[in-house]
PDB file of all heavy atoms in Angstrom:
ATOM      1  N   ILE A   1    -150.037 -93.220 -98.624  1.00  0.00           N
ATOM      2  CA  ILE A   1    -149.344 -93.096 -97.335  1.00  0.00           C
ATOM      3  C   ILE A   1    -150.311 -92.620 -96.255  1.00  0.00           C
ATOM      4  O   ILE A   1    -150.322 -93.124 -95.127  1.00  0.00           O
ATOM      5  CB  ILE A   1    -148.159 -92.124 -97.459  1.00  0.00           C
ATOM      6  CG1 ILE A   1    -147.088 -92.698 -98.395  1.00  0.00           C
ATOM      7  CG2 ILE A   1    -147.564 -91.814 -96.092  1.00  0.00           C
ATOM      8  CD1 ILE A   1    -146.409 -93.938 -97.888  1.00  0.00           C
ATOM      9  N   LEU A   2    -151.143 -91.642 -96.594  1.00  0.00           N
ATOM     10  CA  LEU A   2    -152.091 -91.109 -95.612  1.00  0.00           C
ATOM     11  C   LEU A   2    -153.101 -92.163 -95.178  1.00  0.00           C
ATOM     12  O   LEU A   2    -153.458 -92.254 -93.990  1.00  0.00           O
ATOM     13  CB  LEU A   2    -152.820 -89.893 -96.188  1.00  0.00           C
ATOM     14  CG  LEU A   2    -151.976 -88.628 -96.362  1.00  0.00           C
ATOM     15  CD1 LEU A   2    -152.762 -87.571 -97.126  1.00  0.00           C
ATOM     16  CD2 LEU A   2    -151.538 -88.085 -95.009  1.00  0.00           C
ATOM     17  N   VAL A   3    -153.579 -92.970 -96.120  1.00  0.00           N
ATOM     18  CA  VAL A   3    -154.536 -94.026 -95.782  1.00  0.00           C
ATOM     19  C   VAL A   3    -153.886 -95.040 -94.847  1.00  0.00           C
ATOM     20  O   VAL A   3    -154.481 -95.460 -93.844  1.00  0.00           O
ATOM     21  CB  VAL A   3    -155.052 -94.706 -97.065  1.00  0.00           C
ATOM     22  CG1 VAL A   3    -155.861 -95.951 -96.727  1.00  0.00           C
ATOM     23  CG2 VAL A   3    -155.898 -93.735 -97.881  1.00  0.00           C
ATOM     24  N   GLU A   4    -152.651 -95.442 -95.154  1.00  0.00           N
ATOM     25  CA  GLU A   4    -151.953 -96.401 -94.302  1.00  0.00           C
ATOM     26  C   GLU A   4    -151.641 -95.791 -92.937  1.00  0.00           C
ATOM     27  O   GLU A   4    -151.757 -96.454 -91.898  1.00  0.00           O
ATOM     28  CB  GLU A   4    -150.659 -96.849 -94.983  1.00  0.00           C
ATOM     29  CG  GLU A   4    -149.764 -97.750 -94.137  1.00  0.00           C
ATOM     30  CD  GLU A   4    -150.400 -99.084 -93.790  1.00  0.00           C
ATOM     31  OE1 GLU A   4    -151.354 -99.490 -94.491  1.00  0.00           O
ATOM     32  OE2 GLU A   4    -149.950 -99.724 -92.818  1.00  0.00           O
ATOM     33  N   ALA A   5    -151.257 -94.514 -92.924  1.00  0.00           N
ATOM     34  CA  ALA A   5    -150.974 -93.844 -91.648  1.00  0.00           C
ATOM     35  C   ALA A   5    -152.222 -93.795 -90.775  1.00  0.00           C
ATOM     36  O   ALA A   5    -152.154 -94.017 -89.555  1.00  0.00           O
ATOM     37  CB  ALA A   5    -150.447 -92.432 -91.905  1.00  0.00           C
ATOM     38  N   ALA A   6    -153.377 -93.518 -91.383  1.00  0.00           N
ATOM     39  CA  ALA A   6    -154.629 -93.487 -90.623  1.00  0.00           C
ATOM     40  C   ALA A   6    -154.933 -94.844 -90.015  1.00  0.00           C
ATOM     41  O   ALA A   6    -155.380 -94.945 -88.860  1.00  0.00           O
ATOM     42  CB  ALA A   6    -155.777 -93.035 -91.528  1.00  0.00           C
ATOM     43  N   GLN A   7    -154.685 -95.923 -90.770  1.00  0.00           N
ATOM     44  CA  GLN A   7    -154.932 -97.266 -90.250  1.00  0.00           C
ATOM     45  C   GLN A   7    -154.001 -97.576 -89.081  1.00  0.00           C
ATOM     46  O   GLN A   7    -154.409 -98.164 -88.073  1.00  0.00           O
ATOM     47  CB  GLN A   7    -154.753 -98.305 -91.363  1.00  0.00           C
ATOM     48  CG  GLN A   7    -155.070 -99.726 -90.933  1.00  0.00           C
ATOM     49  CD  GLN A   7    -156.466 -99.848 -90.371  1.00  0.00           C
ATOM     50  OE1 GLN A   7    -157.433 -99.348 -90.935  1.00  0.00           O
ATOM     51  NE2 GLN A   7    -156.600-100.530 -89.237  1.00  0.00           N
ATOM     52  N   ARG A   8    -152.754 -97.175 -89.177  1.00  0.00           N
ATOM     53  CA  ARG A   8    -151.810 -97.407 -88.075  1.00  0.00           C
ATOM     54  C   ARG A   8    -152.216 -96.613 -86.838  1.00  0.00           C
ATOM     55  O   ARG A   8    -152.075 -97.097 -85.707  1.00  0.00           O
ATOM     56  CB  ARG A   8    -150.393 -97.032 -88.510  1.00  0.00           C
ATOM     57  CG  ARG A   8    -149.848 -97.912 -89.621  1.00  0.00           C
ATOM     58  CD  ARG A   8    -148.372 -97.656 -89.864  1.00  0.00           C
ATOM     59  NE  ARG A   8    -147.876 -98.383 -91.012  1.00  0.00           N
ATOM     60  CZ  ARG A   8    -146.592 -98.541 -91.307  1.00  0.00           C
ATOM     61  NH1 ARG A   8    -145.673 -97.984 -90.530  1.00  0.00           N
ATOM     62  NH2 ARG A   8    -146.213 -99.226 -92.375  1.00  0.00           N
ATOM     63  N   LEU A   9    -152.710 -95.408 -87.053  1.00  0.00           N
ATOM     64  CA  LEU A   9    -153.167 -94.605 -85.920  1.00  0.00           C
ATOM     65  C   LEU A   9    -154.374 -95.258 -85.251  1.00  0.00           C
ATOM     66  O   LEU A   9    -154.481 -95.277 -84.021  1.00  0.00           O
ATOM     67  CB  LEU A   9    -153.513 -93.190 -86.375  1.00  0.00           C
ATOM     68  CG  LEU A   9    -152.324 -92.305 -86.753  1.00  0.00           C
ATOM     69  CD1 LEU A   9    -152.811 -90.990 -87.345  1.00  0.00           C
ATOM     70  CD2 LEU A   9    -151.447 -92.032 -85.543  1.00  0.00           C
ATOM     71  N   ARG A  10    -155.306 -95.795 -86.053  1.00  0.00           N
ATOM     72  CA  ARG A  10    -156.461 -96.502 -85.475  1.00  0.00           C
ATOM     73  C   ARG A  10    -156.001 -97.660 -84.597  1.00  0.00           C
ATOM     74  O   ARG A  10    -156.506 -97.873 -83.495  1.00  0.00           O
ATOM     75  CB  ARG A  10    -157.360 -97.048 -86.588  1.00  0.00           C
ATOM     76  CG  ARG A  10    -158.223 -96.037 -87.296  1.00  0.00           C
ATOM     77  CD  ARG A  10    -159.259 -96.753 -88.143  1.00  0.00           C
ATOM     78  NE  ARG A  10    -159.948 -95.843 -89.050  1.00  0.00           N
ATOM     79  CZ  ARG A  10    -159.606 -95.624 -90.297  1.00  0.00           C
ATOM     80  NH1 ARG A  10    -158.553 -96.245 -90.814  1.00  0.00           N
ATOM     81  NH2 ARG A  10    -160.279 -94.790 -91.047  1.00  0.00           N
ATOM     82  N   THR A  11    -155.044 -98.403 -85.115  1.00  0.00           N
ATOM     83  CA  THR A  11    -154.569 -99.582 -84.386  1.00  0.00           C
ATOM     84  C   THR A  11    -153.929 -99.187 -83.063  1.00  0.00           C
ATOM     85  O   THR A  11    -154.103 -99.871 -82.048  1.00  0.00           O
ATOM     86  CB  THR A  11    -153.563-100.357 -85.251  1.00  0.00           C
ATOM     87  OG1 THR A  11    -154.182-100.727 -86.488  1.00  0.00           O
ATOM     88  CG2 THR A  11    -153.081-101.606 -84.534  1.00  0.00           C
ATOM     89  N   SER A  12    -153.192 -98.105 -83.059  1.00  0.00           N
ATOM     90  CA  SER A  12    -152.445 -97.714 -81.866  1.00  0.00           C
ATOM     91  C   SER A  12    -153.265 -96.876 -80.895  1.00  0.00           C
ATOM     92  O   SER A  12    -152.899 -96.747 -79.725  1.00  0.00           O
ATOM     93  CB  SER A  12    -151.198 -96.916 -82.268  1.00  0.00           C
ATOM     94  OG  SER A  12    -151.564 -95.707 -82.917  1.00  0.00           O
ATOM     95  N   ALA A  13    -154.375 -96.306 -81.358  1.00  0.00           N
ATOM     96  CA  ALA A  13    -155.108 -95.351 -80.529  1.00  0.00           C
ATOM     97  C   ALA A  13    -156.068 -95.997 -79.552  1.00  0.00           C
ATOM     98  O   ALA A  13    -156.541 -95.343 -78.626  1.00  0.00           O
ATOM     99  CB  ALA A  13    -155.872 -94.381 -81.422  1.00  0.00           C
ATOM    100  N   GLY A  14    -156.391 -97.294 -79.736  1.00  0.00           N
ATOM    101  CA  GLY A  14    -157.342 -97.935 -78.834  1.00  0.00           C
ATOM    102  C   GLY A  14    -158.715 -97.301 -78.963  1.00  0.00           C
ATOM    103  O   GLY A  14    -159.257 -97.151 -80.056  1.00  0.00           O
ATOM    104  N   ASP A  15    -159.295 -96.868 -77.823  1.00  0.00           N
ATOM    105  CA  ASP A  15    -160.626 -96.278 -77.846  1.00  0.00           C
ATOM    106  C   ASP A  15    -160.589 -94.765 -77.982  1.00  0.00           C
ATOM    107  O   ASP A  15    -161.606 -94.095 -77.817  1.00  0.00           O
ATOM    108  CB  ASP A  15    -161.402 -96.663 -76.582  1.00  0.00           C
ATOM    109  CG  ASP A  15    -160.714 -96.152 -75.314  1.00  0.00           C
ATOM    110  OD1 ASP A  15    -159.580 -95.651 -75.407  1.00  0.00           O
ATOM    111  OD2 ASP A  15    -161.322 -96.283 -74.237  1.00  0.00           O
ATOM    112  N   ALA A  16    -159.433 -94.208 -78.279  1.00  0.00           N
ATOM    113  CA  ALA A  16    -159.327 -92.757 -78.433  1.00  0.00           C
ATOM    114  C   ALA A  16    -160.034 -92.308 -79.706  1.00  0.00           C
ATOM    115  O   ALA A  16    -160.199 -93.071 -80.662  1.00  0.00           O
ATOM    116  CB  ALA A  16    -157.864 -92.324 -78.454  1.00  0.00           C
ATOM    117  N   PHE A  17    -160.423 -91.048 -79.735  1.00  0.00           N
ATOM    118  CA  PHE A  17    -161.088 -90.443 -80.886  1.00  0.00           C
ATOM    119  C   PHE A  17    -160.019 -89.898 -81.824  1.00  0.00           C
ATOM    120  O   PHE A  17    -159.129 -89.157 -81.399  1.00  0.00           O
ATOM    121  CB  PHE A  17    -162.003 -89.321 -80.403  1.00  0.00           C
ATOM    122  CG  PHE A  17    -162.777 -88.630 -81.488  1.00  0.00           C
ATOM    123  CD1 PHE A  17    -164.049 -89.040 -81.819  1.00  0.00           C
ATOM    124  CD2 PHE A  17    -162.226 -87.539 -82.167  1.00  0.00           C
ATOM    125  CE1 PHE A  17    -164.773 -88.390 -82.812  1.00  0.00           C
ATOM    126  CE2 PHE A  17    -162.942 -86.879 -83.153  1.00  0.00           C
ATOM    127  CZ  PHE A  17    -164.219 -87.310 -83.474  1.00  0.00           C
ATOM    128  N   LEU A  18    -160.102 -90.239 -83.110  1.00  0.00           N
ATOM    129  CA  LEU A  18    -159.107 -89.815 -84.091  1.00  0.00           C
ATOM    130  C   LEU A  18    -159.747 -88.953 -85.162  1.00  0.00           C
ATOM    131  O   LEU A  18    -160.867 -89.213 -85.604  1.00  0.00           O
ATOM    132  CB  LEU A  18    -158.466 -91.030 -84.762  1.00  0.00           C
ATOM    133  CG  LEU A  18    -157.291 -91.696 -84.058  1.00  0.00           C
ATOM    134  CD1 LEU A  18    -156.912 -92.966 -84.795  1.00  0.00           C
ATOM    135  CD2 LEU A  18    -156.101 -90.755 -83.978  1.00  0.00           C
ATOM    136  N   ALA A  19    -159.022 -87.924 -85.587  1.00  0.00           N
ATOM    137  CA  ALA A  19    -159.500 -87.073 -86.670  1.00  0.00           C
ATOM    138  C   ALA A  19    -158.332 -86.673 -87.548  1.00  0.00           C
ATOM    139  O   ALA A  19    -157.210 -86.497 -87.069  1.00  0.00           O
ATOM    140  CB  ALA A  19    -160.194 -85.826 -86.118  1.00  0.00           C
ATOM    141  N   ARG A  20    -158.603 -86.553 -88.836  1.00  0.00           N
ATOM    142  CA  ARG A  20    -157.649 -85.932 -89.758  1.00  0.00           C
ATOM    143  C   ARG A  20    -158.111 -84.503 -89.953  1.00  0.00           C
ATOM    144  O   ARG A  20    -159.227 -84.267 -90.428  1.00  0.00           O
ATOM    145  CB  ARG A  20    -157.608 -86.671 -91.089  1.00  0.00           C
ATOM    146  CG  ARG A  20    -156.620 -86.054 -92.093  1.00  0.00           C
ATOM    147  CD  ARG A  20    -156.746 -86.685 -93.453  1.00  0.00           C
ATOM    148  NE  ARG A  20    -155.863 -86.049 -94.423  1.00  0.00           N
ATOM    149  CZ  ARG A  20    -156.113 -85.976 -95.727  1.00  0.00           C
ATOM    150  NH1 ARG A  20    -157.218 -86.520 -96.223  1.00  0.00           N
ATOM    151  NH2 ARG A  20    -155.277 -85.387 -96.541  1.00  0.00           N
ATOM    152  N   ILE A  21    -157.269 -83.543 -89.609  1.00  0.00           N
ATOM    153  CA  ILE A  21    -157.699 -82.153 -89.623  1.00  0.00           C
ATOM    154  C   ILE A  21    -157.130 -81.390 -90.806  1.00  0.00           C
ATOM    155  O   ILE A  21    -157.338 -80.181 -90.927  1.00  0.00           O
ATOM    156  CB  ILE A  21    -157.344 -81.456 -88.295  1.00  0.00           C
ATOM    157  CG1 ILE A  21    -155.838 -81.515 -88.028  1.00  0.00           C
ATOM    158  CG2 ILE A  21    -158.115 -82.079 -87.159  1.00  0.00           C
ATOM    159  CD1 ILE A  21    -155.421 -80.757 -86.782  1.00  0.00           C
ATOM    160  N   GLY A  22    -156.405 -82.105 -91.688  1.00  0.00           N
ATOM    161  CA  GLY A  22    -155.901 -81.449 -92.893  1.00  0.00           C
ATOM    162  C   GLY A  22    -154.541 -81.976 -93.282  1.00  0.00           C
ATOM    163  O   GLY A  22    -153.687 -82.166 -92.421  1.00  0.00           O
ATOM    164  N   GLY A  23    -154.320 -82.191 -94.597  1.00  0.00           N
ATOM    165  CA  GLY A  23    -152.998 -82.625 -95.069  1.00  0.00           C
ATOM    166  C   GLY A  23    -152.520 -83.858 -94.331  1.00  0.00           C
ATOM    167  O   GLY A  23    -153.192 -84.898 -94.293  1.00  0.00           O
ATOM    168  N   ASP A  24    -151.334 -83.755 -93.725  1.00  0.00           N
ATOM    169  CA  ASP A  24    -150.776 -84.860 -92.946  1.00  0.00           C
ATOM    170  C   ASP A  24    -150.937 -84.589 -91.456  1.00  0.00           C
ATOM    171  O   ASP A  24    -150.173 -85.101 -90.649  1.00  0.00           O
ATOM    172  CB  ASP A  24    -149.294 -85.037 -93.290  1.00  0.00           C
ATOM    173  CG  ASP A  24    -148.464 -83.809 -92.919  1.00  0.00           C
ATOM    174  OD1 ASP A  24    -148.970 -82.694 -93.071  1.00  0.00           O
ATOM    175  OD2 ASP A  24    -147.313 -83.976 -92.471  1.00  0.00           O
ATOM    176  N   GLU A  25    -151.950 -83.819 -91.082  1.00  0.00           N
ATOM    177  CA  GLU A  25    -152.160 -83.426 -89.692  1.00  0.00           C
ATOM    178  C   GLU A  25    -153.301 -84.235 -89.089  1.00  0.00           C
ATOM    179  O   GLU A  25    -154.394 -84.311 -89.660  1.00  0.00           O
ATOM    180  CB  GLU A  25    -152.485 -81.932 -89.614  1.00  0.00           C
ATOM    181  CG  GLU A  25    -151.438 -81.050 -90.262  1.00  0.00           C
ATOM    182  CD  GLU A  25    -151.921 -79.626 -90.437  1.00  0.00           C
ATOM    183  OE1 GLU A  25    -153.041 -79.320 -89.989  1.00  0.00           O
ATOM    184  OE2 GLU A  25    -151.177 -78.832 -91.024  1.00  0.00           O
ATOM    185  N   PHE A  26    -153.054 -84.809 -87.918  1.00  0.00           N
ATOM    186  CA  PHE A  26    -154.034 -85.645 -87.234  1.00  0.00           C
ATOM    187  C   PHE A  26    -154.178 -85.171 -85.785  1.00  0.00           C
ATOM    188  O   PHE A  26    -153.262 -84.573 -85.221  1.00  0.00           O
ATOM    189  CB  PHE A  26    -153.604 -87.109 -87.255  1.00  0.00           C
ATOM    190  CG  PHE A  26    -153.465 -87.691 -88.638  1.00  0.00           C
ATOM    191  CD1 PHE A  26    -152.262 -87.581 -89.336  1.00  0.00           C
ATOM    192  CD2 PHE A  26    -154.524 -88.329 -89.250  1.00  0.00           C
ATOM    193  CE1 PHE A  26    -152.122 -88.105 -90.614  1.00  0.00           C
ATOM    194  CE2 PHE A  26    -154.401 -88.854 -90.529  1.00  0.00           C
ATOM    195  CZ  PHE A  26    -153.197 -88.749 -91.208  1.00  0.00           C
ATOM    196  N   MET A  27    -155.329 -85.485 -85.195  1.00  0.00           N
ATOM    197  CA  MET A  27    -155.576 -85.128 -83.798  1.00  0.00           C
ATOM    198  C   MET A  27    -156.192 -86.332 -83.094  1.00  0.00           C
ATOM    199  O   MET A  27    -157.044 -87.032 -83.654  1.00  0.00           O
ATOM    200  CB  MET A  27    -156.506 -83.932 -83.702  1.00  0.00           C
ATOM    201  CG  MET A  27    -156.588 -83.299 -82.334  1.00  0.00           C
ATOM    202  SD  MET A  27    -155.176 -82.225 -81.978  1.00  0.00           S
ATOM    203  CE  MET A  27    -155.647 -80.756 -82.883  1.00  0.00           C
ATOM    204  N   LEU A  28    -155.741 -86.560 -81.877  1.00  0.00           N
ATOM    205  CA  LEU A  28    -156.249 -87.651 -81.047  1.00  0.00           C
ATOM    206  C   LEU A  28    -156.785 -87.067 -79.755  1.00  0.00           C
ATOM    207  O   LEU A  28    -156.142 -86.216 -79.137  1.00  0.00           O
ATOM    208  CB  LEU A  28    -155.132 -88.658 -80.768  1.00  0.00           C
ATOM    209  CG  LEU A  28    -155.407 -89.860 -79.862  1.00  0.00           C
ATOM    210  CD1 LEU A  28    -154.510 -91.033 -80.267  1.00  0.00           C
ATOM    211  CD2 LEU A  28    -155.173 -89.534 -78.387  1.00  0.00           C
ATOM    212  N   VAL A  29    -157.979 -87.515 -79.362  1.00  0.00           N
ATOM    213  CA  VAL A  29    -158.551 -87.146 -78.064  1.00  0.00           C
ATOM    214  C   VAL A  29    -158.695 -88.427 -77.270  1.00  0.00           C
ATOM    215  O   VAL A  29    -159.425 -89.339 -77.665  1.00  0.00           O
ATOM    216  CB  VAL A  29    -159.919 -86.452 -78.225  1.00  0.00           C
ATOM    217  CG1 VAL A  29    -160.486 -86.089 -76.852  1.00  0.00           C
ATOM    218  CG2 VAL A  29    -159.794 -85.212 -79.085  1.00  0.00           C
ATOM    219  N   SER A  30    -157.993 -88.500 -76.156  1.00  0.00           N
ATOM    220  CA  SER A  30    -157.924 -89.740 -75.396  1.00  0.00           C
ATOM    221  C   SER A  30    -159.191 -89.962 -74.581  1.00  0.00           C
ATOM    222  O   SER A  30    -160.060 -89.089 -74.465  1.00  0.00           O
ATOM    223  CB  SER A  30    -156.734 -89.690 -74.435  1.00  0.00           C
ATOM    224  OG  SER A  30    -157.045 -88.831 -73.346  1.00  0.00           O
ATOM    225  N   GLY A  31    -159.238 -91.146 -73.985  1.00  0.00           N
ATOM    226  CA  GLY A  31    -160.214 -91.406 -72.943  1.00  0.00           C
ATOM    227  C   GLY A  31    -159.745 -90.733 -71.661  1.00  0.00           C
ATOM    228  O   GLY A  31    -159.058 -89.711 -71.694  1.00  0.00           O
ATOM    229  N   ALA A  32    -160.085 -91.301 -70.535  1.00  0.00           N
ATOM    230  CA  ALA A  32    -159.763 -90.686 -69.242  1.00  0.00           C
ATOM    231  C   ALA A  32    -158.315 -90.965 -68.859  1.00  0.00           C
ATOM    232  O   ALA A  32    -158.012 -91.933 -68.167  1.00  0.00           O
ATOM    233  CB  ALA A  32    -160.709 -91.206 -68.160  1.00  0.00           C
ATOM    234  N   LEU A  33    -157.393 -90.142 -69.344  1.00  0.00           N
ATOM    235  CA  LEU A  33    -155.977 -90.250 -68.977  1.00  0.00           C
ATOM    236  C   LEU A  33    -155.669 -89.206 -67.909  1.00  0.00           C
ATOM    237  O   LEU A  33    -155.896 -88.019 -68.116  1.00  0.00           O
ATOM    238  CB  LEU A  33    -155.082 -90.036 -70.195  1.00  0.00           C
ATOM    239  CG  LEU A  33    -155.212 -91.062 -71.330  1.00  0.00           C
ATOM    240  CD1 LEU A  33    -154.226 -90.735 -72.435  1.00  0.00           C
ATOM    241  CD2 LEU A  33    -154.968 -92.467 -70.825  1.00  0.00           C
ATOM    242  N   GLN A  34    -155.140 -89.642 -66.798  1.00  0.00           N
ATOM    243  CA  GLN A  34    -154.940 -88.735 -65.678  1.00  0.00           C
ATOM    244  C   GLN A  34    -153.520 -88.204 -65.578  1.00  0.00           C
ATOM    245  O   GLN A  34    -153.296 -87.063 -65.223  1.00  0.00           O
ATOM    246  CB  GLN A  34    -155.286 -89.457 -64.356  1.00  0.00           C
ATOM    247  CG  GLN A  34    -156.730 -89.932 -64.285  1.00  0.00           C
ATOM    248  CD  GLN A  34    -157.690 -88.805 -63.931  1.00  0.00           C
ATOM    249  OE1 GLN A  34    -157.281 -87.664 -63.818  1.00  0.00           O
ATOM    250  NE2 GLN A  34    -158.954 -89.123 -63.778  1.00  0.00           N
ATOM    251  N   THR A  35    -152.528 -89.041 -65.868  1.00  0.00           N
ATOM    252  CA  THR A  35    -151.142 -88.683 -65.571  1.00  0.00           C
ATOM    253  C   THR A  35    -150.342 -88.416 -66.838  1.00  0.00           C
ATOM    254  O   THR A  35    -150.716 -88.837 -67.941  1.00  0.00           O
ATOM    255  CB  THR A  35    -150.458 -89.814 -64.791  1.00  0.00           C
ATOM    256  OG1 THR A  35    -150.311 -90.961 -65.657  1.00  0.00           O
ATOM    257  CG2 THR A  35    -151.280 -90.209 -63.571  1.00  0.00           C
TER     258      THR A  35
END
C-alpha cells in the first residue's frame, strides 16, 4: 500500500518535492505557490 501510495503522490505532485518521513507519513514541498 505504501509503495502504491508513493507512486500516486508522485503522479499528483508534479514538480513538487516529496518525502516519506516515517510510517504512513509524507511531506510535500511545493514550487512557487503564492495563493
